[in-house]
Amino acid sequence: MNLAAGPRQVADGVLVPHILNMDGLVFPAPGRYSFEVRVDGEHHLSIPLTLSGPASSAQA
């Protein structure tokens, strides 16, 4: 695959949107989580994720 910068070029490389399926991944409760990206054991970046709880239903 050959990728080159296009009209929306980013400063540090080429942006390639993608989706990663994580079958079986379970979050025990709503709250703040993060995915830690490591290469050869070295931390490169954290991707934050906030999960909301189920919508509450108001009863009159």
PDB file of N, CA and C in Angstrom:
ATOM      1  N   MET A   1       0.852  -1.163   0.000  1.00  0.00           N
ATOM      2  CA  MET A   1       0.000   0.000   0.000  1.00  0.00           C
ATOM      3  C   MET A   1       0.900   1.229   0.000  1.00  0.00           C
ATOM      4  N   ASN A   2       0.642   2.130  -0.878  1.00  0.00           N
ATOM      5  CA  ASN A   2       1.390   3.376  -0.959  1.00  0.00           C
ATOM      6  C   ASN A   2       0.470   4.523  -0.562  1.00  0.00           C
ATOM      7  N   LEU A   3       0.841   5.290   0.442  1.00  0.00           N
ATOM      8  CA  LEU A   3       0.028   6.411   0.901  1.00  0.00           C
ATOM      9  C   LEU A   3       0.805   7.702   0.731  1.00  0.00           C
ATOM     10  N   ALA A   4       0.115   8.722   0.290  1.00  0.00           N
ATOM     11  CA  ALA A   4       0.735  10.032   0.127  1.00  0.00           C
ATOM     12  C   ALA A   4      -0.203  11.083   0.707  1.00  0.00           C
ATOM     13  N   ALA A   5       0.367  12.210   1.079  1.00  0.00           N
ATOM     14  CA  ALA A   5      -0.423  13.308   1.644  1.00  0.00           C
ATOM     15  C   ALA A   5      -1.398  13.823   0.603  1.00  0.00           C
ATOM     16  N   GLY A   6      -2.612  14.116   1.040  1.00  0.00           N
ATOM     17  CA  GLY A   6      -3.638  14.639   0.144  1.00  0.00           C
ATOM     18  C   GLY A   6      -3.970  16.077   0.500  1.00  0.00           C
ATOM     19  N   PRO A   7      -5.163  16.533   0.107  1.00  0.00           N
ATOM     20  CA  PRO A   7      -5.535  17.934   0.339  1.00  0.00           C
ATOM     21  C   PRO A   7      -5.644  18.300   1.815  1.00  0.00           C
ATOM     22  N   ARG A   8      -5.921  17.325   2.698  1.00  0.00           N
ATOM     23  CA  ARG A   8      -6.006  17.612   4.138  1.00  0.00           C
ATOM     24  C   ARG A   8      -4.772  17.068   4.834  1.00  0.00           C
ATOM     25  N   GLN A   9      -3.621  17.425   4.339  1.00  0.00           N
ATOM     26  CA  GLN A   9      -2.345  16.935   4.865  1.00  0.00           C
ATOM     27  C   GLN A   9      -2.167  17.317   6.331  1.00  0.00           C
ATOM     28  N   VAL A  10      -1.663  16.385   7.125  1.00  0.00           N
ATOM     29  CA  VAL A  10      -1.349  16.672   8.522  1.00  0.00           C
ATOM     30  C   VAL A  10       0.159  16.850   8.654  1.00  0.00           C
ATOM     31  N   ALA A  11       0.566  17.568   9.668  1.00  0.00           N
ATOM     32  CA  ALA A  11       1.973  17.920   9.814  1.00  0.00           C
ATOM     33  C   ALA A  11       2.895  16.718  10.011  1.00  0.00           C
ATOM     34  N   ASP A  12       2.424  15.690  10.729  1.00  0.00           N
ATOM     35  CA  ASP A  12       3.306  14.585  11.094  1.00  0.00           C
ATOM     36  C   ASP A  12       3.110  13.326  10.260  1.00  0.00           C
ATOM     37  N   GLY A  13       2.407  13.386   9.162  1.00  0.00           N
ATOM     38  CA  GLY A  13       2.246  12.194   8.350  1.00  0.00           C
ATOM     39  C   GLY A  13       0.938  12.183   7.596  1.00  0.00           C
ATOM     40  N   VAL A  14       0.490  10.986   7.268  1.00  0.00           N
ATOM     41  CA  VAL A  14      -0.723  10.810   6.499  1.00  0.00           C
ATOM     42  C   VAL A  14      -1.809  10.255   7.418  1.00  0.00           C
ATOM     43  N   LEU A  15      -2.973  10.874   7.415  1.00  0.00           N
ATOM     44  CA  LEU A  15      -4.095  10.447   8.240  1.00  0.00           C
ATOM     45  C   LEU A  15      -4.864   9.353   7.501  1.00  0.00           C
ATOM     46  N   VAL A  16      -4.994   8.191   8.150  1.00  0.00           N
ATOM     47  CA  VAL A  16      -5.712   7.063   7.557  1.00  0.00           C
ATOM     48  C   VAL A  16      -6.771   6.602   8.554  1.00  0.00           C
ATOM     49  N   PRO A  17      -8.019   7.076   8.399  1.00  0.00           N
ATOM     50  CA  PRO A  17      -9.076   6.636   9.312  1.00  0.00           C
ATOM     51  C   PRO A  17      -9.287   5.126   9.198  1.00  0.00           C
ATOM     52  N   HIS A  18      -9.558   4.489  10.314  1.00  0.00           N
ATOM     53  CA  HIS A  18      -9.810   3.048  10.303  1.00  0.00           C
ATOM     54  C   HIS A  18     -10.670   2.652  11.501  1.00  0.00           C
ATOM     55  N   ILE A  19     -11.196   1.449  11.436  1.00  0.00           N
ATOM     56  CA  ILE A  19     -12.017   0.901  12.512  1.00  0.00           C
ATOM     57  C   ILE A  19     -11.368  -0.385  12.983  1.00  0.00           C
ATOM     58  N   LEU A  20     -11.308  -0.559  14.283  1.00  0.00           N
ATOM     59  CA  LEU A  20     -10.718  -1.762  14.868  1.00  0.00           C
ATOM     60  C   LEU A  20     -11.781  -2.452  15.715  1.00  0.00           C
ATOM     61  N   ASN A  21     -12.181  -3.653  15.309  1.00  0.00           N
ATOM     62  CA  ASN A  21     -13.150  -4.422  16.094  1.00  0.00           C
ATOM     63  C   ASN A  21     -12.448  -5.068  17.282  1.00  0.00           C
ATOM     64  N   MET A  22     -13.038  -4.952  18.449  1.00  0.00           N
ATOM     65  CA  MET A  22     -12.480  -5.550  19.661  1.00  0.00           C
ATOM     66  C   MET A  22     -13.524  -6.455  20.286  1.00  0.00           C
ATOM     67  N   ASP A  23     -13.780  -7.586  19.633  1.00  0.00           N
ATOM     68  CA  ASP A  23     -14.772  -8.539  20.118  1.00  0.00           C
ATOM     69  C   ASP A  23     -14.417  -9.006  21.526  1.00  0.00           C
ATOM     70  N   GLY A  24     -15.417  -9.037  22.388  1.00  0.00           N
ATOM     71  CA  GLY A  24     -15.211  -9.532  23.736  1.00  0.00           C
ATOM     72  C   GLY A  24     -14.719  -8.482  24.724  1.00  0.00           C
ATOM     73  N   LEU A  25     -14.444  -7.262  24.249  1.00  0.00           N
ATOM     74  CA  LEU A  25     -14.000  -6.207  25.161  1.00  0.00           C
ATOM     75  C   LEU A  25     -15.178  -5.767  26.016  1.00  0.00           C
ATOM     76  N   VAL A  26     -15.006  -5.802  27.335  1.00  0.00           N
ATOM     77  CA  VAL A  26     -16.086  -5.468  28.264  1.00  0.00           C
ATOM     78  C   VAL A  26     -15.627  -4.349  29.186  1.00  0.00           C
ATOM     79  N   PHE A  27     -16.483  -3.359  29.355  1.00  0.00           N
ATOM     80  CA  PHE A  27     -16.233  -2.294  30.315  1.00  0.00           C
ATOM     81  C   PHE A  27     -17.164  -2.544  31.492  1.00  0.00           C
ATOM     82  N   PRO A  28     -16.631  -2.681  32.699  1.00  0.00           N
ATOM     83  CA  PRO A  28     -17.451  -3.066  33.839  1.00  0.00           C
ATOM     84  C   PRO A  28     -18.457  -2.011  34.291  1.00  0.00           C
ATOM     85  N   ALA A  29     -18.208  -0.756  33.973  1.00  0.00           N
ATOM     86  CA  ALA A  29     -19.108   0.306  34.434  1.00  0.00           C
ATOM     87  C   ALA A  29     -18.861   1.563  33.604  1.00  0.00           C
ATOM     88  N   PRO A  30     -19.831   2.482  33.604  1.00  0.00           N
ATOM     89  CA  PRO A  30     -19.589   3.765  32.946  1.00  0.00           C
ATOM     90  C   PRO A  30     -18.407   4.461  33.615  1.00  0.00           C
ATOM     91  N   GLY A  31     -17.718   5.286  32.881  1.00  0.00           N
ATOM     92  CA  GLY A  31     -16.605   6.021  33.466  1.00  0.00           C
ATOM     93  C   GLY A  31     -15.557   6.379  32.427  1.00  0.00           C
ATOM     94  N   ARG A  32     -14.393   6.757  32.926  1.00  0.00           N
ATOM     95  CA  ARG A  32     -13.296   7.175  32.062  1.00  0.00           C
ATOM     96  C   ARG A  32     -12.312   6.030  31.895  1.00  0.00           C
ATOM     97  N   TYR A  33     -11.957   5.766  30.652  1.00  0.00           N
ATOM     98  CA  TYR A  33     -10.998   4.722  30.302  1.00  0.00           C
ATOM     99  C   TYR A  33     -10.019   5.309  29.290  1.00  0.00           C
ATOM    100  N   SER A  34      -8.987   4.556  28.977  1.00  0.00           N
ATOM    101  CA  SER A  34      -8.093   4.972  27.906  1.00  0.00           C
ATOM    102  C   SER A  34      -7.438   3.746  27.293  1.00  0.00           C
ATOM    103  N   PHE A  35      -7.088   3.888  26.036  1.00  0.00           N
ATOM    104  CA  PHE A  35      -6.303   2.883  25.338  1.00  0.00           C
ATOM    105  C   PHE A  35      -4.874   3.405  25.314  1.00  0.00           C
ATOM    106  N   GLU A  36      -3.958   2.605  25.802  1.00  0.00           N
ATOM    107  CA  GLU A  36      -2.552   3.003  25.853  1.00  0.00           C
ATOM    108  C   GLU A  36      -1.821   2.368  24.671  1.00  0.00           C
ATOM    109  N   VAL A  37      -1.221   3.187  23.831  1.00  0.00           N
ATOM    110  CA  VAL A  37      -0.503   2.688  22.664  1.00  0.00           C
ATOM    111  C   VAL A  37       0.977   2.580  23.012  1.00  0.00           C
ATOM    112  N   ARG A  38       1.492   1.345  22.943  1.00  0.00           N
ATOM    113  CA  ARG A  38       2.890   1.080  23.249  1.00  0.00           C
ATOM    114  C   ARG A  38       3.540   0.368  22.068  1.00  0.00           C
ATOM    115  N   VAL A  39       4.772   0.718  21.803  1.00  0.00           N
ATOM    116  CA  VAL A  39       5.562   0.053  20.770  1.00  0.00           C
ATOM    117  C   VAL A  39       6.845  -0.420  21.424  1.00  0.00           C
ATOM    118  N   ASP A  40       7.075  -1.723  21.380  1.00  0.00           N
ATOM    119  CA  ASP A  40       8.235  -2.323  22.038  1.00  0.00           C
ATOM    120  C   ASP A  40       8.312  -1.921  23.508  1.00  0.00           C
ATOM    121  N   GLY A  41       7.134  -1.860  24.173  1.00  0.00           N
ATOM    122  CA  GLY A  41       7.085  -1.527  25.588  1.00  0.00           C
ATOM    123  C   GLY A  41       7.173  -0.047  25.897  1.00  0.00           C
ATOM    124  N   GLU A  42       7.375   0.782  24.886  1.00  0.00           N
ATOM    125  CA  GLU A  42       7.502   2.230  25.104  1.00  0.00           C
ATOM    126  C   GLU A  42       6.166   2.915  24.820  1.00  0.00           C
ATOM    127  N   HIS A  43       5.686   3.708  25.794  1.00  0.00           N
ATOM    128  CA  HIS A  43       4.418   4.429  25.664  1.00  0.00           C
ATOM    129  C   HIS A  43       4.543   5.511  24.599  1.00  0.00           C
ATOM    130  N   HIS A  44       3.603   5.494  23.646  1.00  0.00           N
ATOM    131  CA  HIS A  44       3.605   6.515  22.591  1.00  0.00           C
ATOM    132  C   HIS A  44       2.460   7.506  22.752  1.00  0.00           C
ATOM    133  N   LEU A  45       1.271   7.013  23.091  1.00  0.00           N
ATOM    134  CA  LEU A  45       0.157   7.932  23.300  1.00  0.00           C
ATOM    135  C   LEU A  45      -0.988   7.229  24.009  1.00  0.00           C
ATOM    136  N   SER A  46      -1.887   8.032  24.552  1.00  0.00           N
ATOM    137  CA  SER A  46      -3.091   7.542  25.207  1.00  0.00           C
ATOM    138  C   SER A  46      -4.294   8.069  24.438  1.00  0.00           C
ATOM    139  N   ILE A  47      -5.286   7.196  24.232  1.00  0.00           N
ATOM    140  CA  ILE A  47      -6.509   7.594  23.549  1.00  0.00           C
ATOM    141  C   ILE A  47      -7.635   7.527  24.583  1.00  0.00           C
ATOM    142  N   PRO A  48      -8.148   8.689  25.006  1.00  0.00           N
ATOM    143  CA  PRO A  48      -9.178   8.696  26.050  1.00  0.00           C
ATOM    144  C   PRO A  48     -10.526   8.198  25.537  1.00  0.00           C
ATOM    145  N   LEU A  49     -11.284   7.598  26.434  1.00  0.00           N
ATOM    146  CA  LEU A  49     -12.624   7.102  26.125  1.00  0.00           C
ATOM    147  C   LEU A  49     -13.482   7.301  27.363  1.00  0.00           C
ATOM    148  N   THR A  50     -14.625   7.960  27.210  1.00  0.00           N
ATOM    149  CA  THR A  50     -15.560   8.143  28.315  1.00  0.00           C
ATOM    150  C   THR A  50     -16.855   7.431  27.962  1.00  0.00           C
ATOM    151  N   LEU A  51     -17.292   6.529  28.846  1.00  0.00           N
ATOM    152  CA  LEU A  51     -18.529   5.782  28.632  1.00  0.00           C
ATOM    153  C   LEU A  51     -19.612   6.320  29.548  1.00  0.00           C
ATOM    154  N   SER A  52     -20.761   6.614  28.960  1.00  0.00           N
ATOM    155  CA  SER A  52     -21.916   7.081  29.736  1.00  0.00           C
ATOM    156  C   SER A  52     -22.779   5.897  30.120  1.00  0.00           C
ATOM    157  N   GLY A  53     -23.523   6.059  31.184  1.00  0.00           N
ATOM    158  CA  GLY A  53     -24.448   5.020  31.618  1.00  0.00           C
ATOM    159  C   GLY A  53     -25.713   5.050  30.781  1.00  0.00           C
ATOM    160  N   PRO A  54     -26.600   4.104  31.004  1.00  0.00           N
ATOM    161  CA  PRO A  54     -27.860   4.093  30.249  1.00  0.00           C
ATOM    162  C   PRO A  54     -28.683   5.343  30.561  1.00  0.00           C
ATOM    163  N   ALA A  55     -29.440   5.777  29.578  1.00  0.00           N
ATOM    164  CA  ALA A  55     -30.291   6.955  29.781  1.00  0.00           C
ATOM    165  C   ALA A  55     -31.338   6.635  30.832  1.00  0.00           C
ATOM    166  N   SER A  56     -31.503   7.535  31.775  1.00  0.00           N
ATOM    167  CA  SER A  56     -32.512   7.305  32.819  1.00  0.00           C
ATOM    168  C   SER A  56     -33.879   7.741  32.296  1.00  0.00           C
ATOM    169  N   SER A  57     -34.902   7.045  32.695  1.00  0.00           N
ATOM    170  CA  SER A  57     -36.251   7.417  32.271  1.00  0.00           C
ATOM    171  C   SER A  57     -36.983   8.027  33.459  1.00  0.00           C
ATOM    172  N   ALA A  58     -37.513   9.199  33.233  1.00  0.00           N
ATOM    173  CA  ALA A  58     -38.235   9.893  34.292  1.00  0.00           C
ATOM    174  C   ALA A  58     -39.691   9.430  34.285  1.00  0.00           C
ATOM    175  N   GLN A  59     -40.224   9.145  35.458  1.00  0.00           N
ATOM    176  CA  GLN A  59     -41.627   8.738  35.554  1.00  0.00           C
ATOM    177  C   GLN A  59     -42.398   9.785  36.342  1.00  0.00           C
ATOM    178  N   ALA A  60     -43.587  10.080  35.871  1.00  0.00           N
ATOM    179  CA  ALA A  60     -44.404  11.103  36.542  1.00  0.00           C
ATOM    180  C   ALA A  60     -45.284  10.480  37.594  1.00  0.00           C
TER     181      ALA A  60
END
